[in-house]
Amino acid sequence: MNRCMRCPSRGVTGGWNATFMPIRLALSVHFIARENVFDISLCRIARDEQRGLDAVRQLSSEGLSLKFHQLDIVSSESIDKIKTFLVEQYGGLDLLVNNAGIAFKRASTAPFAEQAEVTVHTNFHGTLNMCKAMLPILKPHARLVNISTHLGGLSQLSEELQKKFSSPTLSEESLVNLMNQFVQDVKEGIHSKKGWSNTAYGISHVGIIALTKILARAITEDPRDDILINACDPGWVRTDMAGPKATKSPDEGAETPVYAALLPTNAGQPNGEFLKDKIIQEWEVMSCQSHAVAAENKTLNKQI
């Protein structure tokens, strides 16, 4: 078996047309320049094997080192396989960027109960399971970045729910119960009365941001040095999910995730924060307005 225990190992999950490509390129160039080595290993982790292999071939043709490993974040068996691979090949993980997730289109005819269950299961529980599996194998000075969105802001929730999600004593178990309660309330048709918004995607990211903060609080008690965990919003990026009208190119969308991934050694901060445009955002007050609506309003204001 070809092992490289001393080689830095980085994993980026997510779709081929998401911000993966520029994130991968930026990380490769940085580590080649900083460490003066060319055996840089970063795993292209995705569910679609053929598209993942296509990515490997394209980037390899540009002289970059890339390995592909299939992953389905809603499958515990799949997560266990990638964990075993990383431990056996590299002795652990230096960096993880969780970029995998789904969003139903506005035109979707799927019942909201189905959207809520599938979206929370994939985006929140999938990210949770990845983090729980990978945290034990993070090396000292590792960075964990959860790609999220400002649509996960607390202002979309009732005051009571806001207090629960933002509590500094919120536990992982309590968070899971809250997310499951949202799905159940939607199924019973009472989610609005209970203080939830009407966006399953937004609620799933409320959970991801809350999870990031919980994990960051816990990691400060860990004996491993200098591990930082943050969430960030890449912005409205032209991808399969966001569509061609989005205002940012994939390169621009990669800037904040790469910034969070490359925080200097022993920086100490940010940790447990939500970043947008490389700036810490106040979770309690940030706008949950969609990028598309914000762009439309900006255009209307200019016309007026």
Protein backbone atom coordinates (compact mmCIF):
# COMPACT_ATOMS: atom_id res chain seq x y z
CA MET A 1 0.00 0.00 0.00
CA ASN A 2 1.32 3.43 -0.96
CA ARG A 3 1.20 5.48 2.23
CA CYS A 4 2.26 9.04 2.91
CA MET A 5 1.83 9.66 6.63
CA ARG A 6 3.76 12.94 6.45
CA CYS A 7 1.95 14.31 3.42
CA PRO A 8 -0.66 16.95 4.27
CA SER A 9 -4.12 15.56 3.59
CA ARG A 10 -7.13 17.69 2.72
CA GLY A 11 -10.68 16.70 1.90
CA VAL A 12 -13.26 18.77 0.04
CA THR A 13 -16.75 17.32 -0.29
CA GLY A 14 -19.37 18.49 -2.76
CA GLY A 15 -20.51 18.55 -6.36
CA TRP A 16 -18.35 19.00 -9.44
CA ASN A 17 -19.97 22.31 -10.40
CA ALA A 18 -19.94 23.77 -6.90
CA THR A 19 -17.11 25.88 -5.53
CA PHE A 20 -14.97 22.75 -5.24
CA MET A 21 -12.75 23.43 -8.24
CA PRO A 22 -11.39 26.88 -7.30
CA ILE A 23 -11.13 25.80 -3.65
CA ARG A 24 -9.03 22.84 -4.74
CA LEU A 25 -6.83 24.93 -7.00
CA ALA A 26 -6.24 27.63 -4.40
CA LEU A 27 -5.34 25.12 -1.70
CA SER A 28 -2.96 23.24 -4.00
CA VAL A 29 -1.10 26.36 -5.09
CA HIS A 30 -0.83 27.59 -1.49
CA PHE A 31 0.60 24.40 -0.07
CA ILE A 32 2.99 23.84 -2.97
CA ALA A 33 4.37 27.34 -2.46
CA ARG A 34 4.47 27.20 1.34
CA GLU A 35 5.89 23.73 1.81
CA ASN A 36 7.98 23.51 -1.37
CA VAL A 37 6.68 20.03 -2.10
CA PHE A 38 4.74 18.64 -4.99
CA ASP A 39 3.25 15.52 -3.42
CA ILE A 40 0.23 17.37 -2.11
CA SER A 41 -2.76 15.13 -1.50
CA LEU A 42 -6.27 16.48 -1.50
CA CYS A 43 -9.21 14.15 -1.86
CA ARG A 44 -11.98 15.06 -4.27
CA ILE A 45 -14.82 13.53 -2.29
CA ALA A 46 -18.17 13.21 -4.03
CA ARG A 47 -21.12 10.88 -4.58
CA ASP A 48 -20.93 10.76 -8.39
CA GLU A 49 -17.93 8.56 -9.17
CA GLN A 50 -17.68 9.31 -12.89
CA ARG A 51 -17.77 13.08 -12.43
CA GLY A 52 -15.24 12.76 -9.63
CA LEU A 53 -12.86 10.81 -11.85
CA ASP A 54 -13.35 13.41 -14.59
CA ALA A 55 -12.26 16.08 -12.09
CA VAL A 56 -9.15 14.07 -11.25
CA ARG A 57 -8.19 13.81 -14.90
CA GLN A 58 -8.74 17.50 -15.59
CA LEU A 59 -6.71 18.72 -12.63
CA SER A 60 -4.00 16.11 -13.13
CA SER A 61 -3.53 17.44 -16.65
CA GLU A 62 -2.73 20.80 -15.04
CA GLY A 63 0.08 19.24 -13.01
CA LEU A 64 -1.80 19.05 -9.71
CA SER A 65 -1.97 16.03 -7.42
CA LEU A 66 -5.49 14.86 -6.69
CA LYS A 67 -7.10 11.68 -5.45
CA PHE A 68 -10.76 10.79 -5.74
CA HIS A 69 -12.80 8.91 -3.18
CA GLN A 70 -16.51 8.34 -3.49
CA LEU A 71 -18.66 9.55 -0.61
CA ASP A 72 -22.35 9.73 0.18
CA ILE A 73 -22.72 11.85 3.32
CA VAL A 74 -26.05 10.23 4.22
CA SER A 75 -24.46 6.77 4.29
CA SER A 76 -22.62 5.76 7.47
CA GLU A 77 -20.92 2.95 5.55
CA SER A 78 -19.63 5.41 2.95
CA ILE A 79 -18.34 7.77 5.65
CA ASP A 80 -16.58 4.90 7.43
CA LYS A 81 -14.84 3.95 4.18
CA ILE A 82 -13.42 7.43 3.58
CA LYS A 83 -12.34 7.65 7.22
CA THR A 84 -10.48 4.33 6.97
CA PHE A 85 -8.88 5.46 3.71
CA LEU A 86 -7.62 8.71 5.25
CA VAL A 87 -6.22 7.01 8.34
CA GLU A 88 -4.48 4.25 6.39
CA GLN A 89 -3.08 6.53 3.69
CA TYR A 90 -2.23 9.67 5.68
CA GLY A 91 -2.61 8.93 9.35
CA GLY A 92 -5.44 11.44 9.63
CA LEU A 93 -6.69 14.67 8.15
CA ASP A 94 -5.26 18.21 8.06
CA LEU A 95 -8.24 19.95 6.53
CA LEU A 96 -11.88 19.21 5.81
CA VAL A 97 -14.20 21.44 3.80
CA ASN A 98 -17.78 20.19 4.03
CA ASN A 99 -19.38 21.48 0.84
CA ALA A 100 -21.88 18.70 0.13
CA GLY A 101 -25.59 19.46 0.28
CA ILE A 102 -28.85 19.82 -1.62
CA ALA A 103 -31.59 22.37 -2.20
CA PHE A 104 -34.99 21.86 -3.80
CA LYS A 105 -35.72 24.25 -6.65
CA ARG A 106 -38.42 26.89 -6.16
CA ALA A 107 -40.48 25.17 -8.84
CA SER A 108 -40.33 21.80 -7.08
CA THR A 109 -43.70 20.12 -6.68
CA ALA A 110 -42.49 17.90 -3.84
CA PRO A 111 -44.61 18.31 -0.69
CA PHE A 112 -43.00 20.57 1.90
CA ALA A 113 -42.91 17.68 4.38
CA GLU A 114 -40.79 15.70 1.93
CA GLN A 115 -38.54 18.69 1.26
CA ALA A 116 -38.03 19.24 4.98
CA GLU A 117 -37.17 15.62 5.72
CA VAL A 118 -34.80 15.14 2.79
CA THR A 119 -33.08 18.52 3.16
CA VAL A 120 -32.49 18.25 6.91
CA HIS A 121 -31.39 14.62 6.57
CA THR A 122 -28.85 15.46 3.87
CA ASN A 123 -27.58 18.91 4.81
CA PHE A 124 -27.69 18.78 8.59
CA HIS A 125 -27.45 15.11 9.54
CA GLY A 126 -25.00 14.39 6.71
CA THR A 127 -22.70 17.20 7.84
CA LEU A 128 -23.09 16.14 11.47
CA ASN A 129 -22.13 12.55 10.67
CA MET A 130 -19.12 13.67 8.63
CA CYS A 131 -17.91 15.92 11.43
CA LYS A 132 -18.37 13.25 14.10
CA ALA A 133 -16.43 10.74 12.01
CA MET A 134 -13.60 13.08 10.99
CA LEU A 135 -13.04 15.02 14.22
CA PRO A 136 -11.18 12.15 15.93
CA ILE A 137 -8.70 11.89 13.04
CA LEU A 138 -7.97 15.61 12.66
CA LYS A 139 -4.29 16.34 13.17
CA PRO A 140 -2.96 19.20 15.31
CA HIS A 141 -3.38 22.58 13.53
CA ALA A 142 -6.19 21.16 11.38
CA ARG A 143 -8.98 23.30 9.96
CA LEU A 144 -12.60 22.27 9.52
CA VAL A 145 -14.85 24.47 7.37
CA ASN A 146 -18.59 23.94 6.97
CA ILE A 147 -19.92 25.67 3.87
CA SER A 148 -23.20 27.31 4.84
CA THR A 149 -25.31 30.34 3.95
CA HIS A 150 -26.73 33.52 5.45
CA LEU A 151 -30.12 31.89 4.83
CA GLY A 152 -29.36 30.04 8.07
CA GLY A 153 -29.73 33.25 10.07
CA LEU A 154 -31.64 33.18 13.35
CA SER A 155 -33.97 36.06 12.47
CA GLN A 156 -36.28 33.68 10.58
CA LEU A 157 -37.19 31.94 13.84
CA SER A 158 -39.41 32.85 16.76
CA GLU A 159 -37.71 34.48 19.73
CA GLU A 160 -38.06 31.26 21.72
CA LEU A 161 -36.35 29.18 19.05
CA GLN A 162 -33.65 31.80 18.58
CA LYS A 163 -32.77 31.52 22.26
CA LYS A 164 -32.57 27.74 22.04
CA PHE A 165 -30.32 27.68 18.97
CA SER A 166 -28.02 30.46 20.18
CA SER A 167 -27.64 29.18 23.73
CA PRO A 168 -23.95 28.76 24.65
CA THR A 169 -24.93 25.58 26.50
CA LEU A 170 -26.78 23.98 23.57
CA SER A 171 -25.65 20.36 23.28
CA GLU A 172 -25.34 18.25 20.16
CA GLU A 173 -28.17 16.02 21.37
CA SER A 174 -30.46 19.00 21.98
CA LEU A 175 -29.63 20.40 18.54
CA VAL A 176 -30.49 17.09 16.87
CA ASN A 177 -33.79 17.07 18.75
CA LEU A 178 -34.57 20.60 17.54
CA MET A 179 -33.86 19.69 13.92
CA ASN A 180 -35.98 16.56 14.17
CA GLN A 181 -38.75 18.60 15.78
CA PHE A 182 -38.81 20.93 12.78
CA VAL A 183 -39.32 17.99 10.43
CA GLN A 184 -42.05 16.57 12.65
CA ASP A 185 -43.80 19.95 12.98
CA VAL A 186 -43.81 20.31 9.19
CA LYS A 187 -45.35 16.86 8.80
CA GLU A 188 -48.08 17.83 11.27
CA GLY A 189 -48.66 21.17 9.53
CA ILE A 190 -47.89 23.21 12.65
CA HIS A 191 -44.35 24.45 11.95
CA SER A 192 -45.39 28.09 11.44
CA LYS A 193 -47.30 28.11 14.72
CA LYS A 194 -44.24 26.65 16.43
CA GLY A 195 -42.04 29.50 15.20
CA TRP A 196 -40.29 27.89 12.22
CA SER A 197 -39.86 29.56 8.83
CA ASN A 198 -41.08 28.09 5.55
CA THR A 199 -37.66 27.22 4.15
CA ALA A 200 -36.27 23.75 4.74
CA TYR A 201 -32.95 24.80 3.21
CA GLY A 202 -32.66 27.75 5.58
CA ILE A 203 -33.51 25.68 8.65
CA SER A 204 -30.99 23.02 7.65
CA HIS A 205 -28.31 25.71 7.70
CA VAL A 206 -29.47 27.10 11.03
CA GLY A 207 -28.58 23.61 12.21
CA ILE A 208 -25.20 23.60 10.46
CA ILE A 209 -24.18 26.95 11.96
CA ALA A 210 -25.32 25.86 15.43
CA LEU A 211 -23.42 22.59 15.00
CA THR A 212 -20.27 24.49 14.02
CA LYS A 213 -20.45 26.52 17.22
CA ILE A 214 -21.01 23.42 19.37
CA LEU A 215 -18.04 21.61 17.82
CA ALA A 216 -15.83 24.68 18.16
CA ARG A 217 -16.64 25.01 21.85
CA ALA A 218 -15.79 21.36 22.40
CA ILE A 219 -12.53 21.47 20.44
CA THR A 220 -11.09 24.10 22.79
CA GLU A 221 -10.93 21.38 25.45
CA ASP A 222 -9.19 18.95 23.09
CA PRO A 223 -5.51 18.15 23.78
CA ARG A 224 -4.62 18.55 20.09
CA ASP A 225 -3.20 21.99 19.39
CA ASP A 226 -4.71 24.74 17.28
CA ILE A 227 -7.74 23.11 15.63
CA LEU A 228 -10.18 25.71 14.31
CA ILE A 229 -13.75 25.05 13.19
CA ASN A 230 -15.82 27.65 11.33
CA ALA A 231 -18.76 27.99 8.96
CA CYS A 232 -18.88 30.37 6.02
CA ASP A 233 -21.05 31.68 3.21
CA PRO A 234 -19.37 31.67 -0.22
CA GLY A 235 -22.07 34.02 -1.52
CA TRP A 236 -24.39 33.66 -4.49
CA VAL A 237 -22.21 31.60 -6.81
CA ARG A 238 -22.94 30.52 -10.36
CA THR A 239 -23.34 26.77 -9.86
CA ASP A 240 -25.88 24.10 -10.77
CA MET A 241 -27.67 24.85 -7.50
CA ALA A 242 -27.76 28.66 -7.75
CA GLY A 243 -28.10 29.01 -11.52
CA PRO A 244 -26.54 31.36 -14.10
CA LYS A 245 -28.00 34.58 -12.66
CA ALA A 246 -25.88 34.39 -9.51
CA THR A 247 -23.54 37.33 -9.04
CA LYS A 248 -20.30 35.55 -8.10
CA SER A 249 -18.02 33.39 -10.18
CA PRO A 250 -16.81 30.11 -8.62
CA ASP A 251 -13.39 31.73 -8.11
CA GLU A 252 -14.97 34.58 -6.15
CA GLY A 253 -17.12 32.14 -4.21
CA ALA A 254 -14.03 30.21 -3.12
CA GLU A 255 -12.36 33.21 -1.46
CA THR A 256 -13.96 32.97 1.98
CA PRO A 257 -13.84 29.14 2.25
CA VAL A 258 -10.14 29.21 1.32
CA TYR A 259 -9.53 32.01 3.83
CA ALA A 260 -11.12 29.90 6.59
CA ALA A 261 -9.21 26.82 5.47
CA LEU A 262 -5.84 28.61 5.49
CA LEU A 263 -6.02 30.44 8.81
CA PRO A 264 -2.42 30.78 10.03
CA THR A 265 -0.91 28.34 12.49
CA ASN A 266 -1.76 29.27 16.09
CA ALA A 267 -4.09 32.04 14.92
CA GLY A 268 -6.52 31.12 17.70
CA GLN A 269 -9.40 32.92 16.03
CA PRO A 270 -11.86 32.86 14.41
CA ASN A 271 -13.27 29.69 15.91
CA GLY A 272 -16.94 28.78 15.98
CA GLU A 273 -17.81 31.77 13.82
CA PHE A 274 -19.87 32.33 10.68
CA LEU A 275 -17.92 34.19 7.99
CA LYS A 276 -19.06 36.04 4.91
CA ASP A 277 -16.68 37.99 2.67
CA LYS A 278 -13.98 36.95 5.17
CA ILE A 279 -15.74 38.92 7.93
CA ILE A 280 -17.35 37.49 11.08
CA GLN A 281 -21.13 37.90 10.94
CA GLU A 282 -23.53 38.36 13.85
CA TRP A 283 -25.71 35.29 13.56
CA GLU A 284 -28.55 36.78 15.57
CA VAL A 285 -29.10 39.80 13.31
CA MET A 286 -27.92 38.85 9.82
CA SER A 287 -30.48 39.04 7.03
CA CYS A 288 -32.06 35.84 5.74
CA GLN A 289 -33.17 37.46 2.49
CA SER A 290 -32.30 35.34 -0.52
CA HIS A 291 -29.58 36.52 -2.87
CA ALA A 292 -32.04 36.61 -5.76
CA VAL A 293 -34.51 38.83 -3.88
CA ALA A 294 -31.71 41.09 -2.68
CA ALA A 295 -30.45 41.48 -6.25
CA GLU A 296 -33.96 42.30 -7.50
CA ASN A 297 -34.44 44.92 -4.77
CA LYS A 298 -31.07 46.46 -5.58
CA THR A 299 -32.07 46.76 -9.23
CA LEU A 300 -35.43 48.31 -8.33
CA ASN A 301 -33.78 50.84 -6.02
CA LYS A 302 -31.43 51.90 -8.81
CA GLN A 303 -34.36 52.37 -11.17
CA ILE A 304 -36.20 54.50 -8.62
